Amino acid sequence: MGGDPDHVAMVTGLIEVKLGVDALNPLQQNTDHDSLYQADVELVRALAPAGEVKRVERDERLFSSGDAAGGVYLIVKGTARATLAGAEHELMCRTAGPGAVLGLTSALCAKQYQFDVQALETVEAVFLETGTVNEILRGQPELCMRAMQMMCNELDALRQTREHMQSCGNESCALHEQCCQAARLQ
């Protein structure tokens, strides 16, 4: 893996300056964003230097449902909205901010992204190709277990949310409100 030392220093500096350790600590995370995609400090520090920094402008998509799942995005700055479309309305909506890893389950377990992820404001993210993520996780079993736990938590939360949204007719419930709030930010 290795990488260009200047690139590694730049990405590490970007994480430390923009996020700080406290922003990555799941116990002290920003409550404005959903914790579902929040990675722990060790996982972020292992992944970030191996990726490429990308800037996504407001209303642009990081990826769309059905796109080839080529890798994961680690949000360094900004807010994104992940949605799962249903026949009549969104079945799921989550917001993600600094320290969130998006596309992990799709990149490691599927051929296509399962969600639409759109920037609610300018987003700076580190993109890592799937092969690079696999290489890092194979070399560090404890991080692999953390990534697997994140994927299990995501799948469980998404299953529960989807079941609720399909059966709930109360547009004022908390899950419906979460989607409405994120949509109003656009």
C-alpha atoms as a PDB file:
ATOM      1  CA  MET A   1       0.000   0.000   0.000  1.00  0.00           C
ATOM      2  CA  GLY A   2       2.554   2.633   1.152  1.00  0.00           C
ATOM      3  CA  GLY A   3       1.742   5.598  -1.001  1.00  0.00           C
ATOM      4  CA  ASP A   4       3.326   8.954  -1.699  1.00  0.00           C
ATOM      5  CA  PRO A   5       4.526  10.399   1.653  1.00  0.00           C
ATOM      6  CA  ASP A   6       3.296  13.882   0.691  1.00  0.00           C
ATOM      7  CA  HIS A   7      -0.146  12.506  -0.101  1.00  0.00           C
ATOM      8  CA  VAL A   8      -0.277  10.536   3.169  1.00  0.00           C
ATOM      9  CA  ALA A   9       0.790  13.626   5.154  1.00  0.00           C
ATOM     10  CA  MET A  10      -1.775  15.791   3.362  1.00  0.00           C
ATOM     11  CA  VAL A  11      -4.655  13.374   4.016  1.00  0.00           C
ATOM     12  CA  THR A  12      -3.614  12.768   7.622  1.00  0.00           C
ATOM     13  CA  GLY A  13      -3.327  16.517   8.175  1.00  0.00           C
ATOM     14  CA  LEU A  14      -6.701  17.072   6.542  1.00  0.00           C
ATOM     15  CA  ILE A  15      -8.310  14.583   8.918  1.00  0.00           C
ATOM     16  CA  GLU A  16      -6.604  15.969  12.000  1.00  0.00           C
ATOM     17  CA  VAL A  17      -7.263  19.621  11.139  1.00  0.00           C
ATOM     18  CA  LYS A  18     -10.778  19.293   9.748  1.00  0.00           C
ATOM     19  CA  LEU A  19     -12.063  16.595  12.075  1.00  0.00           C
ATOM     20  CA  GLY A  20      -9.873  16.270  15.107  1.00  0.00           C
ATOM     21  CA  VAL A  21      -9.919  13.119  17.171  1.00  0.00           C
ATOM     22  CA  ASP A  22     -13.040  14.197  19.083  1.00  0.00           C
ATOM     23  CA  ALA A  23     -15.078  14.444  15.883  1.00  0.00           C
ATOM     24  CA  LEU A  24     -14.165  10.851  15.028  1.00  0.00           C
ATOM     25  CA  ASN A  25     -14.844   9.478  18.495  1.00  0.00           C
ATOM     26  CA  PRO A  26     -18.211   7.680  18.289  1.00  0.00           C
ATOM     27  CA  LEU A  27     -18.908   8.608  21.933  1.00  0.00           C
ATOM     28  CA  GLN A  28     -18.558  12.319  21.157  1.00  0.00           C
ATOM     29  CA  GLN A  29     -19.902  12.465  17.620  1.00  0.00           C
ATOM     30  CA  ASN A  30     -21.870  15.334  16.150  1.00  0.00           C
ATOM     31  CA  THR A  31     -25.521  14.650  16.931  1.00  0.00           C
ATOM     32  CA  ASP A  32     -26.621  16.515  13.789  1.00  0.00           C
ATOM     33  CA  HIS A  33     -25.605  13.458  11.765  1.00  0.00           C
ATOM     34  CA  ASP A  34     -26.697   9.854  11.901  1.00  0.00           C
ATOM     35  CA  SER A  35     -24.306   7.555  13.746  1.00  0.00           C
ATOM     36  CA  LEU A  36     -25.082   4.641  11.436  1.00  0.00           C
ATOM     37  CA  TYR A  37     -22.184   5.367   9.098  1.00  0.00           C
ATOM     38  CA  GLN A  38     -19.779   6.730  11.730  1.00  0.00           C
ATOM     39  CA  ALA A  39     -16.419   4.929  11.757  1.00  0.00           C
ATOM     40  CA  ASP A  40     -14.094   4.708  14.721  1.00  0.00           C
ATOM     41  CA  VAL A  41     -10.769   6.552  14.823  1.00  0.00           C
ATOM     42  CA  GLU A  42      -8.576   3.521  14.051  1.00  0.00           C
ATOM     43  CA  LEU A  43     -10.579   2.578  10.969  1.00  0.00           C
ATOM     44  CA  VAL A  44     -10.523   6.154   9.664  1.00  0.00           C
ATOM     45  CA  ARG A  45      -6.778   6.495  10.281  1.00  0.00           C
ATOM     46  CA  ALA A  46      -6.134   3.221   8.433  1.00  0.00           C
ATOM     47  CA  LEU A  47      -8.311   4.060   5.440  1.00  0.00           C
ATOM     48  CA  ALA A  48      -7.806   7.783   4.852  1.00  0.00           C
ATOM     49  CA  PRO A  49      -4.119   7.873   3.827  1.00  0.00           C
ATOM     50  CA  ALA A  50      -4.717   5.205   1.162  1.00  0.00           C
ATOM     51  CA  GLY A  51      -7.435   7.163  -0.643  1.00  0.00           C
ATOM     52  CA  GLU A  52      -7.837  10.122  -2.939  1.00  0.00           C
ATOM     53  CA  VAL A  53      -9.482  13.353  -1.783  1.00  0.00           C
ATOM     54  CA  LYS A  54     -12.542  14.280  -3.827  1.00  0.00           C
ATOM     55  CA  ARG A  55     -14.698  17.383  -3.657  1.00  0.00           C
ATOM     56  CA  VAL A  56     -18.412  17.022  -4.355  1.00  0.00           C
ATOM     57  CA  GLU A  57     -20.459  20.199  -4.731  1.00  0.00           C
ATOM     58  CA  ARG A  58     -23.889  20.747  -3.178  1.00  0.00           C
ATOM     59  CA  ASP A  59     -26.666  18.725  -4.864  1.00  0.00           C
ATOM     60  CA  GLU A  60     -24.160  16.529  -6.736  1.00  0.00           C
ATOM     61  CA  ARG A  61     -24.113  12.822  -6.006  1.00  0.00           C
ATOM     62  CA  LEU A  62     -21.261  10.867  -4.514  1.00  0.00           C
ATOM     63  CA  PHE A  63     -22.951   7.826  -6.051  1.00  0.00           C
ATOM     64  CA  SER A  64     -26.392   6.644  -7.150  1.00  0.00           C
ATOM     65  CA  SER A  65     -28.289   3.436  -6.629  1.00  0.00           C
ATOM     66  CA  GLY A  66     -27.362   1.030  -9.400  1.00  0.00           C
ATOM     67  CA  ASP A  67     -23.929   2.571 -10.064  1.00  0.00           C
ATOM     68  CA  ALA A  68     -21.035   0.116 -10.036  1.00  0.00           C
ATOM     69  CA  ALA A  69     -19.796  -0.072  -6.433  1.00  0.00           C
ATOM     70  CA  GLY A  70     -16.167   0.848  -6.987  1.00  0.00           C
ATOM     71  CA  GLY A  71     -15.219   1.882  -3.471  1.00  0.00           C
ATOM     72  CA  VAL A  72     -16.046   3.740  -0.275  1.00  0.00           C
ATOM     73  CA  TYR A  73     -16.199   7.413   0.651  1.00  0.00           C
ATOM     74  CA  LEU A  74     -14.933   8.728   3.982  1.00  0.00           C
ATOM     75  CA  ILE A  75     -16.484  12.137   4.603  1.00  0.00           C
ATOM     76  CA  VAL A  76     -13.943  14.649   5.859  1.00  0.00           C
ATOM     77  CA  LYS A  77     -16.049  17.814   5.615  1.00  0.00           C
ATOM     78  CA  GLY A  78     -19.682  18.566   4.833  1.00  0.00           C
ATOM     79  CA  THR A  79     -22.958  16.684   4.979  1.00  0.00           C
ATOM     80  CA  ALA A  80     -24.478  14.125   2.629  1.00  0.00           C
ATOM     81  CA  ARG A  81     -27.883  12.496   2.466  1.00  0.00           C
ATOM     82  CA  ALA A  82     -28.270   8.759   1.816  1.00  0.00           C
ATOM     83  CA  THR A  83     -31.677   7.680   0.524  1.00  0.00           C
ATOM     84  CA  LEU A  84     -33.358   4.469  -0.520  1.00  0.00           C
ATOM     85  CA  ALA A  85     -36.184   5.163  -2.934  1.00  0.00           C
ATOM     86  CA  GLY A  86     -39.505   3.383  -2.704  1.00  0.00           C
ATOM     87  CA  ALA A  87     -42.387   3.146  -5.147  1.00  0.00           C
ATOM     88  CA  GLU A  88     -44.276   6.099  -3.655  1.00  0.00           C
ATOM     89  CA  HIS A  89     -41.812   7.774  -1.281  1.00  0.00           C
ATOM     90  CA  GLU A  90     -38.376   7.339   0.210  1.00  0.00           C
ATOM     91  CA  LEU A  91     -38.119   4.220   2.328  1.00  0.00           C
ATOM     92  CA  MET A  92     -35.025   5.375   4.140  1.00  0.00           C
ATOM     93  CA  CYS A  93     -33.129   8.595   4.624  1.00  0.00           C
ATOM     94  CA  ARG A  94     -29.984   9.190   6.687  1.00  0.00           C
ATOM     95  CA  THR A  95     -27.565  12.072   6.948  1.00  0.00           C
ATOM     96  CA  ALA A  96     -23.828  11.589   7.216  1.00  0.00           C
ATOM     97  CA  GLY A  97     -21.094  14.004   8.189  1.00  0.00           C
ATOM     98  CA  PRO A  98     -17.382  14.023   9.014  1.00  0.00           C
ATOM     99  CA  GLY A  99     -16.083  10.601  10.003  1.00  0.00           C
ATOM    100  CA  ALA A 100     -18.807   8.707   8.121  1.00  0.00           C
ATOM    101  CA  VAL A 101     -17.906   5.877   5.751  1.00  0.00           C
ATOM    102  CA  LEU A 102     -20.402   5.546   2.884  1.00  0.00           C
ATOM    103  CA  GLY A 103     -20.736   2.670   0.425  1.00  0.00           C
ATOM    104  CA  LEU A 104     -18.899   0.135   2.604  1.00  0.00           C
ATOM    105  CA  THR A 105     -21.503  -2.631   2.420  1.00  0.00           C
ATOM    106  CA  SER A 106     -22.095  -2.142  -1.306  1.00  0.00           C
ATOM    107  CA  ALA A 107     -18.403  -1.995  -2.151  1.00  0.00           C
ATOM    108  CA  LEU A 108     -17.486  -5.100  -0.163  1.00  0.00           C
ATOM    109  CA  CYS A 109     -20.611  -7.222  -0.624  1.00  0.00           C
ATOM    110  CA  ALA A 110     -22.354  -6.162  -3.844  1.00  0.00           C
ATOM    111  CA  LYS A 111     -21.581  -5.086  -7.374  1.00  0.00           C
ATOM    112  CA  GLN A 112     -23.760  -1.973  -7.258  1.00  0.00           C
ATOM    113  CA  TYR A 113     -24.465   0.776  -4.753  1.00  0.00           C
ATOM    114  CA  GLN A 114     -27.805   0.254  -3.053  1.00  0.00           C
ATOM    115  CA  PHE A 115     -28.504   3.932  -2.222  1.00  0.00           C
ATOM    116  CA  ASP A 116     -28.389   7.412  -3.614  1.00  0.00           C
ATOM    117  CA  VAL A 117     -25.941   9.656  -1.751  1.00  0.00           C
ATOM    118  CA  GLN A 118     -26.178  13.373  -2.453  1.00  0.00           C
ATOM    119  CA  ALA A 119     -24.185  16.269  -1.017  1.00  0.00           C
ATOM    120  CA  LEU A 120     -26.355  18.638   1.044  1.00  0.00           C
ATOM    121  CA  GLU A 121     -23.458  21.093   1.015  1.00  0.00           C
ATOM    122  CA  THR A 122     -19.966  20.949  -0.427  1.00  0.00           C
ATOM    123  CA  VAL A 123     -18.442  17.646   0.702  1.00  0.00           C
ATOM    124  CA  GLU A 124     -14.775  16.754   0.910  1.00  0.00           C
ATOM    125  CA  ALA A 125     -14.353  12.999   1.003  1.00  0.00           C
ATOM    126  CA  VAL A 126     -11.563  10.476   0.723  1.00  0.00           C
ATOM    127  CA  PHE A 127     -12.397   7.847  -1.905  1.00  0.00           C
ATOM    128  CA  LEU A 128     -10.852   4.383  -1.616  1.00  0.00           C
ATOM    129  CA  GLU A 129     -11.247   1.747  -4.296  1.00  0.00           C
ATOM    130  CA  THR A 130     -12.693  -1.570  -3.139  1.00  0.00           C
ATOM    131  CA  GLY A 131      -9.420  -3.443  -3.722  1.00  0.00           C
ATOM    132  CA  THR A 132      -7.547  -1.000  -1.500  1.00  0.00           C
ATOM    133  CA  VAL A 133     -10.125  -1.352   1.286  1.00  0.00           C
ATOM    134  CA  ASN A 134      -9.916  -5.143   1.021  1.00  0.00           C
ATOM    135  CA  GLU A 135      -6.112  -5.023   1.193  1.00  0.00           C
ATOM    136  CA  ILE A 136      -6.186  -2.864   4.341  1.00  0.00           C
ATOM    137  CA  LEU A 137      -8.810  -5.020   6.042  1.00  0.00           C
ATOM    138  CA  ARG A 138      -7.028  -8.282   5.167  1.00  0.00           C
ATOM    139  CA  GLY A 139      -3.841  -6.964   6.748  1.00  0.00           C
ATOM    140  CA  GLN A 140      -5.550  -5.800   9.948  1.00  0.00           C
ATOM    141  CA  PRO A 141      -8.074  -8.353  11.253  1.00  0.00           C
ATOM    142  CA  GLU A 142      -9.216  -6.125  14.126  1.00  0.00           C
ATOM    143  CA  LEU A 143     -10.199  -3.414  11.624  1.00  0.00           C
ATOM    144  CA  CYS A 144     -11.889  -6.014   9.464  1.00  0.00           C
ATOM    145  CA  MET A 145     -14.047  -6.979  12.444  1.00  0.00           C
ATOM    146  CA  ARG A 146     -14.934  -3.310  13.044  1.00  0.00           C
ATOM    147  CA  ALA A 147     -15.895  -2.889   9.389  1.00  0.00           C
ATOM    148  CA  MET A 148     -18.002  -6.051   9.560  1.00  0.00           C
ATOM    149  CA  GLN A 149     -19.728  -4.731  12.686  1.00  0.00           C
ATOM    150  CA  MET A 150     -20.465  -1.443  10.885  1.00  0.00           C
ATOM    151  CA  MET A 151     -21.975  -3.368   7.971  1.00  0.00           C
ATOM    152  CA  CYS A 152     -24.103  -5.535  10.282  1.00  0.00           C
ATOM    153  CA  ASN A 153     -25.334  -2.455  12.155  1.00  0.00           C
ATOM    154  CA  GLU A 154     -26.144  -0.715   8.869  1.00  0.00           C
ATOM    155  CA  LEU A 155     -28.064  -3.679   7.492  1.00  0.00           C
ATOM    156  CA  ASP A 156     -30.018  -4.147  10.727  1.00  0.00           C
ATOM    157  CA  ALA A 157     -30.912  -0.448  10.981  1.00  0.00           C
ATOM    158  CA  LEU A 158     -31.888  -0.280   7.321  1.00  0.00           C
ATOM    159  CA  ARG A 159     -34.068  -3.374   7.629  1.00  0.00           C
ATOM    160  CA  GLN A 160     -35.863  -1.898  10.650  1.00  0.00           C
ATOM    161  CA  THR A 161     -36.271   1.495   8.993  1.00  0.00           C
ATOM    162  CA  ARG A 162     -37.541   0.001   5.752  1.00  0.00           C
ATOM    163  CA  GLU A 163     -40.087  -2.181   7.553  1.00  0.00           C
ATOM    164  CA  HIS A 164     -41.299   0.821   9.531  1.00  0.00           C
ATOM    165  CA  MET A 165     -41.513   3.186   6.569  1.00  0.00           C
ATOM    166  CA  GLN A 166     -43.436   0.628   4.507  1.00  0.00           C
ATOM    167  CA  SER A 167     -46.029   0.073   7.202  1.00  0.00           C
ATOM    168  CA  CYS A 168     -46.274   3.484   8.919  1.00  0.00           C
ATOM    169  CA  GLY A 169     -48.970   5.860   7.772  1.00  0.00           C
ATOM    170  CA  ASN A 170     -48.033   8.568  10.266  1.00  0.00           C
ATOM    171  CA  GLU A 171     -46.204  11.249   8.303  1.00  0.00           C
ATOM    172  CA  SER A 172     -45.286  13.046  11.542  1.00  0.00           C
ATOM    173  CA  CYS A 173     -43.328  10.139  13.062  1.00  0.00           C
ATOM    174  CA  ALA A 174     -39.603  10.655  13.731  1.00  0.00           C
ATOM    175  CA  LEU A 175     -38.409   8.598  10.743  1.00  0.00           C
ATOM    176  CA  HIS A 176     -40.605  10.499   8.286  1.00  0.00           C
ATOM    177  CA  GLU A 177     -39.526  13.788   9.864  1.00  0.00           C
ATOM    178  CA  GLN A 178     -35.837  12.874   9.426  1.00  0.00           C
ATOM    179  CA  CYS A 179     -36.316  12.564   5.657  1.00  0.00           C
ATOM    180  CA  CYS A 180     -38.362  15.745   5.485  1.00  0.00           C
ATOM    181  CA  GLN A 181     -35.698  17.718   7.392  1.00  0.00           C
ATOM    182  CA  ALA A 182     -32.910  16.482   5.133  1.00  0.00           C
ATOM    183  CA  ALA A 183     -34.988  17.274   2.046  1.00  0.00           C
ATOM    184  CA  ARG A 184     -35.613  20.829   3.323  1.00  0.00           C
ATOM    185  CA  LEU A 185     -31.836  21.400   3.568  1.00  0.00           C
ATOM    186  CA  GLN A 186     -31.547  21.061  -0.201  1.00  0.00           C
END
